Amino acid sequence: MLLEGERIVTDILHSGPPPERVVLEERRFERSDTVLQLCERSGVPVSRATVRMMAKITETRHPQGVA
């Protein structure tokens, strides 16, 4: 199952069973990103994706860069 959006991914990282992987858009690696920090603390693998890649894997019309 693919979950999209910063809020749901953050909620899962805080309280749910850890996801197998989180995909973040490249721009999120350029700044201090809450989701990236939570993944690092939780030991959740993170994959980088371009804007084009995120558009292909998500169903959201305007992806937030987190899946």
C-alpha atoms as a PDB file:
ATOM      1  CA  MET A   1       0.000   0.000   0.000  1.00  0.00           C
ATOM      2  CA  LEU A   2       1.263   3.461  -0.857  1.00  0.00           C
ATOM      3  CA  LEU A   3       0.346   6.275   1.534  1.00  0.00           C
ATOM      4  CA  GLU A   4       0.735   9.807   0.218  1.00  0.00           C
ATOM      5  CA  GLY A   5       1.185  13.097   2.024  1.00  0.00           C
ATOM      6  CA  GLU A   6       3.257  14.561   4.783  1.00  0.00           C
ATOM      7  CA  ARG A   7       0.651  14.308   7.533  1.00  0.00           C
ATOM      8  CA  ILE A   8      -0.189  10.630   7.114  1.00  0.00           C
ATOM      9  CA  VAL A   9       3.455   9.613   6.745  1.00  0.00           C
ATOM     10  CA  THR A  10       4.404  11.668   9.816  1.00  0.00           C
ATOM     11  CA  ASP A  11       1.547  10.144  11.829  1.00  0.00           C
ATOM     12  CA  ILE A  12       2.640   6.622  10.867  1.00  0.00           C
ATOM     13  CA  LEU A  13       6.259   7.383  11.805  1.00  0.00           C
ATOM     14  CA  HIS A  14       5.126   8.694  15.196  1.00  0.00           C
ATOM     15  CA  SER A  15       2.635   6.049  16.191  1.00  0.00           C
ATOM     16  CA  GLY A  16       2.129   3.213  13.731  1.00  0.00           C
ATOM     17  CA  PRO A  17       4.197   0.246  12.758  1.00  0.00           C
ATOM     18  CA  PRO A  18       7.147   1.596  10.750  1.00  0.00           C
ATOM     19  CA  PRO A  19       6.726   1.649   6.983  1.00  0.00           C
ATOM     20  CA  GLU A  20       8.986  -0.475   4.802  1.00  0.00           C
ATOM     21  CA  ARG A  21      10.275   2.632   3.033  1.00  0.00           C
ATOM     22  CA  VAL A  22       9.531   6.328   2.588  1.00  0.00           C
ATOM     23  CA  VAL A  23       9.985   8.100  -0.742  1.00  0.00           C
ATOM     24  CA  LEU A  24      10.910  11.783  -0.611  1.00  0.00           C
ATOM     25  CA  GLU A  25      11.254  14.252  -3.417  1.00  0.00           C
ATOM     26  CA  GLU A  26      14.849  15.420  -3.894  1.00  0.00           C
ATOM     27  CA  ARG A  27      14.151  18.978  -2.723  1.00  0.00           C
ATOM     28  CA  ARG A  28      13.352  17.626   0.766  1.00  0.00           C
ATOM     29  CA  PHE A  29      16.992  16.559   1.175  1.00  0.00           C
ATOM     30  CA  GLU A  30      18.163  20.141   0.677  1.00  0.00           C
ATOM     31  CA  ARG A  31      16.573  21.447   3.868  1.00  0.00           C
ATOM     32  CA  SER A  32      15.896  20.283   7.377  1.00  0.00           C
ATOM     33  CA  ASP A  33      12.885  18.066   6.770  1.00  0.00           C
ATOM     34  CA  THR A  34      10.770  16.635   9.591  1.00  0.00           C
ATOM     35  CA  VAL A  35       9.870  13.457   7.703  1.00  0.00           C
ATOM     36  CA  LEU A  36      13.515  12.802   6.809  1.00  0.00           C
ATOM     37  CA  GLN A  37      14.577  13.302  10.439  1.00  0.00           C
ATOM     38  CA  LEU A  38      11.847  10.955  11.708  1.00  0.00           C
ATOM     39  CA  CYS A  39      12.902   8.293   9.208  1.00  0.00           C
ATOM     40  CA  GLU A  40      16.534   8.567  10.263  1.00  0.00           C
ATOM     41  CA  ARG A  41      15.610   8.243  13.956  1.00  0.00           C
ATOM     42  CA  SER A  42      13.311   5.281  13.264  1.00  0.00           C
ATOM     43  CA  GLY A  43      15.715   3.486  10.947  1.00  0.00           C
ATOM     44  CA  VAL A  44      13.231   3.630   8.060  1.00  0.00           C
ATOM     45  CA  PRO A  45      14.933   3.535   4.641  1.00  0.00           C
ATOM     46  CA  VAL A  46      14.401   6.628   2.499  1.00  0.00           C
ATOM     47  CA  SER A  47      14.489   6.763  -1.287  1.00  0.00           C
ATOM     48  CA  ARG A  48      15.005   9.909  -3.348  1.00  0.00           C
ATOM     49  CA  ALA A  49      12.662  10.688  -6.206  1.00  0.00           C
ATOM     50  CA  THR A  50      12.533  13.386  -8.839  1.00  0.00           C
ATOM     51  CA  VAL A  51       9.378  15.437  -9.349  1.00  0.00           C
ATOM     52  CA  ARG A  52       8.630  13.338 -12.432  1.00  0.00           C
ATOM     53  CA  MET A  53       9.053  10.073 -10.506  1.00  0.00           C
ATOM     54  CA  MET A  54       6.739  11.273  -7.708  1.00  0.00           C
ATOM     55  CA  ALA A  55       4.105  12.194 -10.272  1.00  0.00           C
ATOM     56  CA  LYS A  56       4.260   8.655 -11.668  1.00  0.00           C
ATOM     57  CA  ILE A  57       4.029   6.786  -8.357  1.00  0.00           C
ATOM     58  CA  THR A  58       1.409   8.951  -6.654  1.00  0.00           C
ATOM     59  CA  GLU A  59      -2.242   9.450  -7.481  1.00  0.00           C
ATOM     60  CA  THR A  60      -2.441  12.944  -5.994  1.00  0.00           C
ATOM     61  CA  ARG A  61      -2.859  15.766  -8.473  1.00  0.00           C
ATOM     62  CA  HIS A  62      -0.319  17.951  -6.606  1.00  0.00           C
ATOM     63  CA  PRO A  63       1.995  15.618  -4.640  1.00  0.00           C
ATOM     64  CA  GLN A  64       3.633  16.951  -1.471  1.00  0.00           C
ATOM     65  CA  GLY A  65       6.815  15.050  -2.219  1.00  0.00           C
ATOM     66  CA  VAL A  66       6.212  12.397   0.464  1.00  0.00           C
ATOM     67  CA  ALA A  67       4.978   8.842  -0.035  1.00  0.00           C
END
